[in-house]
């Protein structure tokens, strides 16, 4: 009888060991996902306000240097679309970003030779920037600095003429901002950009040259992020 009891206990112990081994085999492997939420393409819209300073100088003989306008202020709105790509490395993110905007940053003066029926007027009608940016990520927030080149479409009227035409001008741009990932693939941003000076334009239908400088932009925007797949470690 004792022999039978020992045999039965041994058999039950063997079954329990096999069941435990089967349970261990069924446990899935562990996985750890490392997510870089700022890595990937993004597209969005941005708009805000801008101001700048323009100057129109008489260059045509016999009035060269006479009746120049002096500096005059411009102000107005700007709005457009943005596209870019960011790479996140730990706390840091680097990327490239471009935007194209319509604008109405306008100003005029009647000083000097601009006195008369038609004042001197300069207006930025569109603006494009291509920039790099570097940010430091704090979870859902990323303050960043940015810099690159800017291109603007300029329309000018001067020295009592009705003539005007758009001109493409370029210059450098620097700035900074902060972006907030308020949803998994959506972010909002606020940024400031400064363009110290554009190249001087000499429109073919105007009797002078146009200088555009000290353009400041304050913009707010929303971006949608096409996030890359998370990096996954398996074991």
Protein backbone atom coordinates (compact mmCIF):
# COMPACT_ATOMS: atom_id res chain seq x y z
CA UNK A 1 0.00 0.00 0.00
CA UNK A 2 2.80 2.37 0.92
CA UNK A 3 4.54 1.55 -2.36
CA UNK A 4 1.37 2.44 -4.29
CA UNK A 5 1.05 5.76 -2.45
CA UNK A 6 4.68 6.68 -3.19
CA UNK A 7 4.22 5.81 -6.87
CA UNK A 8 1.04 7.90 -7.08
CA UNK A 9 2.75 10.91 -5.45
CA UNK A 10 5.68 10.64 -7.84
CA UNK A 11 3.33 10.51 -10.83
CA UNK A 12 1.38 13.57 -9.67
CA UNK A 13 4.65 15.47 -9.07
CA UNK A 14 5.80 14.69 -12.61
CA UNK A 15 2.52 15.98 -14.06
CA UNK A 16 2.77 19.19 -12.01
CA UNK A 17 6.33 19.79 -13.24
CA UNK A 18 5.31 19.34 -16.87
CA UNK A 19 2.36 21.73 -16.42
CA UNK A 20 4.61 24.38 -14.88
CA UNK A 21 7.08 24.02 -17.74
CA UNK A 22 4.25 24.41 -20.26
CA UNK A 23 3.06 27.60 -18.51
CA UNK A 24 6.57 29.07 -18.62
CA UNK A 25 6.88 28.31 -22.32
CA UNK A 26 3.58 30.08 -23.02
CA UNK A 27 4.70 33.38 -21.43
CA UNK A 28 5.39 35.85 -24.29
CA UNK A 29 8.78 37.54 -24.54
CA UNK A 30 9.10 40.93 -22.97
CA UNK A 31 9.42 43.96 -25.18
CA UNK A 32 10.50 47.50 -24.42
CA UNK A 33 9.56 50.27 -26.85
CA UNK A 34 11.71 53.40 -27.05
CA UNK A 35 9.60 56.17 -28.55
CA UNK A 36 11.09 59.32 -30.15
CA UNK A 37 7.90 61.38 -30.63
CA UNK A 38 9.62 64.26 -32.43
CA UNK A 39 11.23 62.10 -35.12
CA UNK A 40 9.55 62.20 -38.54
CA UNK A 41 7.95 64.46 -41.12
CA UNK A 42 5.51 67.19 -40.16
CA UNK A 43 3.20 69.51 -42.10
CA UNK A 44 1.15 72.39 -40.81
CA UNK A 45 -0.13 75.93 -41.06
CA UNK A 46 1.14 79.10 -39.39
CA UNK A 47 0.10 82.72 -39.27
CA UNK A 48 0.77 85.91 -37.40
CA UNK A 49 2.02 89.43 -37.68
CA UNK A 50 5.09 91.13 -39.11
CA UNK A 51 6.75 94.50 -39.20
CA UNK A 52 9.77 95.93 -40.97
CA UNK A 53 11.53 99.01 -42.23
CA UNK A 54 11.90 100.11 -45.83
CA UNK A 55 13.74 102.87 -47.65
CA UNK A 56 13.56 104.15 -51.21
CA UNK A 57 16.47 106.11 -52.67
CA UNK A 58 16.48 108.11 -55.88
CA UNK A 59 19.11 106.84 -58.30
CA UNK A 60 18.08 108.22 -61.67
CA UNK A 61 19.88 111.31 -63.01
CA UNK A 62 19.57 114.22 -62.35
CA UNK A 63 17.94 113.43 -58.96
CA UNK A 64 20.39 110.84 -57.60
CA UNK A 65 20.70 111.23 -53.85
CA UNK A 66 18.10 114.01 -53.77
CA UNK A 67 14.68 113.49 -52.23
CA UNK A 68 15.33 110.08 -50.70
CA UNK A 69 12.51 108.82 -48.54
CA UNK A 70 14.41 107.94 -45.39
CA UNK A 71 13.32 104.90 -43.38
CA UNK A 72 9.60 104.24 -42.98
CA UNK A 73 7.75 101.52 -41.07
CA UNK A 74 5.68 98.64 -42.41
CA UNK A 75 3.30 96.29 -40.61
CA UNK A 76 0.73 93.63 -41.47
CA UNK A 77 -0.30 89.99 -41.44
CA UNK A 78 1.37 86.82 -42.71
CA UNK A 79 -0.07 83.29 -43.13
CA UNK A 80 0.93 80.10 -44.93
CA UNK A 81 2.00 76.45 -44.83
CA UNK A 82 4.97 74.65 -43.24
CA UNK A 83 6.74 71.34 -43.94
CA UNK A 84 9.75 69.80 -42.20
CA UNK A 85 11.54 66.80 -40.75
CA UNK A 86 13.07 66.28 -37.29
CA UNK A 87 15.45 63.68 -35.85
CA UNK A 88 15.36 63.14 -32.07
CA UNK A 89 18.49 61.90 -30.25
CA UNK A 90 17.76 61.49 -26.58
CA UNK A 91 16.86 64.95 -25.29
CA UNK A 92 17.96 66.72 -28.46
CA UNK A 93 16.20 67.16 -31.79
CA UNK A 94 17.60 68.55 -35.03
CA UNK A 95 15.66 69.21 -38.18
CA UNK A 96 14.95 71.20 -41.31
CA UNK A 97 11.87 73.28 -41.99
CA UNK A 98 10.51 75.35 -44.84
CA UNK A 99 7.46 77.55 -45.22
CA UNK A 100 5.70 79.60 -47.87
CA UNK A 101 3.36 82.41 -46.83
CA UNK A 102 1.20 85.09 -48.31
CA UNK A 103 1.74 88.46 -46.65
CA UNK A 104 0.54 92.04 -46.51
CA UNK A 105 3.32 93.80 -44.61
CA UNK A 106 2.79 97.30 -45.94
CA UNK A 107 3.97 100.86 -45.34
CA UNK A 108 4.33 104.22 -47.05
CA UNK A 109 5.77 107.69 -46.58
CA UNK A 110 5.44 111.17 -48.03
CA UNK A 111 8.82 112.37 -46.77
CA UNK A 112 11.31 114.12 -49.05
CA UNK A 113 10.87 113.28 -52.68
CA UNK A 114 7.91 111.05 -51.80
CA UNK A 115 5.69 114.06 -51.18
CA UNK A 116 2.90 114.35 -53.69
CA UNK A 117 -0.16 112.60 -54.99
CA UNK A 118 1.40 109.11 -54.84
CA UNK A 119 3.58 108.48 -51.74
CA UNK A 120 6.45 106.02 -51.67
CA UNK A 121 5.10 102.61 -50.72
CA UNK A 122 6.68 99.19 -50.13
CA UNK A 123 4.80 95.96 -49.42
CA UNK A 124 5.96 92.38 -48.78
CA UNK A 125 3.45 90.23 -50.67
CA UNK A 126 4.90 86.76 -49.97
CA UNK A 127 7.66 85.22 -47.90
CA UNK A 128 9.52 81.89 -48.02
CA UNK A 129 12.08 80.65 -45.49
CA UNK A 130 14.30 77.55 -45.48
CA UNK A 131 15.82 76.88 -42.06
CA UNK A 132 17.57 74.39 -39.85
CA UNK A 133 16.53 74.08 -36.24
CA UNK A 134 17.90 72.58 -33.02
CA UNK A 135 15.72 71.85 -30.02
CA UNK A 136 15.88 70.40 -26.53
CA UNK A 137 12.97 68.11 -25.69
CA UNK A 138 11.27 68.05 -22.29
CA UNK A 139 8.65 65.38 -22.86
CA UNK A 140 5.87 67.10 -24.79
CA UNK A 141 7.67 70.46 -24.99
CA UNK A 142 10.54 71.47 -27.27
CA UNK A 143 12.11 74.94 -27.18
CA UNK A 144 14.29 75.49 -30.26
CA UNK A 145 16.50 77.91 -32.13
CA UNK A 146 16.39 78.23 -35.91
CA UNK A 147 18.21 79.93 -38.77
CA UNK A 148 18.63 79.91 -42.54
CA UNK A 149 17.63 81.98 -45.56
CA UNK A 150 14.54 84.00 -46.43
CA UNK A 151 13.09 85.06 -49.78
CA UNK A 152 10.46 87.79 -50.12
CA UNK A 153 8.27 89.15 -52.88
CA UNK A 154 8.35 92.94 -52.80
CA UNK A 155 6.01 95.41 -54.47
CA UNK A 156 6.99 99.08 -54.58
CA UNK A 157 5.66 102.41 -55.76
CA UNK A 158 7.87 105.50 -55.59
CA UNK A 159 8.55 109.08 -56.51
CA UNK A 160 5.03 109.98 -57.62
CA UNK A 161 4.82 107.28 -60.29
CA UNK A 162 2.02 104.78 -60.62
CA UNK A 163 4.44 102.02 -61.60
CA UNK A 164 5.03 99.02 -59.35
CA UNK A 165 6.15 95.44 -59.70
CA UNK A 166 6.97 92.42 -57.50
CA UNK A 167 10.63 91.69 -56.93
CA UNK A 168 12.31 88.70 -55.33
CA UNK A 169 14.76 89.60 -52.54
CA UNK A 170 16.74 87.35 -50.23
CA UNK A 171 18.45 87.57 -46.84
CA UNK A 172 19.37 85.61 -43.74
CA UNK A 173 16.90 84.73 -40.98
CA UNK A 174 17.35 83.72 -37.31
CA UNK A 175 14.91 83.07 -34.51
CA UNK A 176 13.51 80.69 -31.96
CA UNK A 177 10.34 79.27 -30.52
CA UNK A 178 8.66 76.54 -28.53
CA UNK A 179 6.55 73.62 -29.73
CA UNK A 180 4.08 71.58 -27.65
CA UNK A 181 2.91 68.05 -28.55
CA UNK A 182 -0.62 68.35 -27.17
CA UNK A 183 -1.79 65.09 -28.84
CA UNK A 184 0.25 62.04 -30.00
CA UNK A 185 0.64 63.41 -33.56
CA UNK A 186 -0.38 67.06 -33.17
CA UNK A 187 1.66 70.00 -31.95
CA UNK A 188 1.19 73.74 -31.52
CA UNK A 189 4.03 76.24 -31.78
CA UNK A 190 4.88 79.89 -31.23
CA UNK A 191 7.98 81.39 -32.84
CA UNK A 192 9.81 84.62 -33.55
CA UNK A 193 11.89 85.18 -36.71
CA UNK A 194 14.16 88.13 -37.49
CA UNK A 195 15.54 89.11 -40.92
CA UNK A 196 18.26 91.77 -40.48
CA UNK A 197 18.39 92.82 -44.12
CA UNK A 198 17.28 91.80 -47.59
CA UNK A 199 19.35 92.48 -50.68
CA UNK A 200 18.61 95.83 -52.33
CA UNK A 201 16.19 95.73 -55.26
CA UNK A 202 16.29 98.08 -58.22
CA UNK A 203 12.97 97.61 -60.03
CA UNK A 204 13.20 98.19 -63.76
CA UNK A 205 10.08 100.34 -63.79
CA UNK A 206 11.07 102.58 -60.86
CA UNK A 207 13.56 105.45 -60.77
CA UNK A 208 15.17 104.29 -57.53
CA UNK A 209 16.36 101.44 -55.37
CA UNK A 210 14.40 99.79 -52.56
CA UNK A 211 15.97 98.58 -49.29
CA UNK A 212 14.10 96.25 -46.91
CA UNK A 213 15.47 95.44 -43.44
CA UNK A 214 14.72 94.68 -39.78
CA UNK A 215 11.77 92.45 -40.60
CA UNK A 216 10.33 90.80 -37.46
CA UNK A 217 7.74 88.02 -37.55
CA UNK A 218 5.67 86.57 -34.70
CA UNK A 219 3.84 83.43 -35.79
CA UNK A 220 1.62 80.75 -34.26
CA UNK A 221 0.99 77.40 -35.90
CA UNK A 222 -0.27 73.83 -35.71
CA UNK A 223 1.64 70.81 -37.10
CA UNK A 224 0.63 67.22 -37.84
CA UNK A 225 3.48 64.71 -37.31
CA UNK A 226 3.93 61.55 -39.37
CA UNK A 227 5.80 59.83 -36.55
CA UNK A 228 8.32 57.08 -37.35
CA UNK A 229 7.71 53.59 -35.94
CA UNK A 230 9.06 53.17 -32.37
CA UNK A 231 12.42 51.43 -31.89
CA UNK A 232 11.67 48.10 -30.14
CA UNK A 233 14.01 45.90 -28.12
CA UNK A 234 13.10 42.20 -27.80
CA UNK A 235 14.43 39.42 -25.59
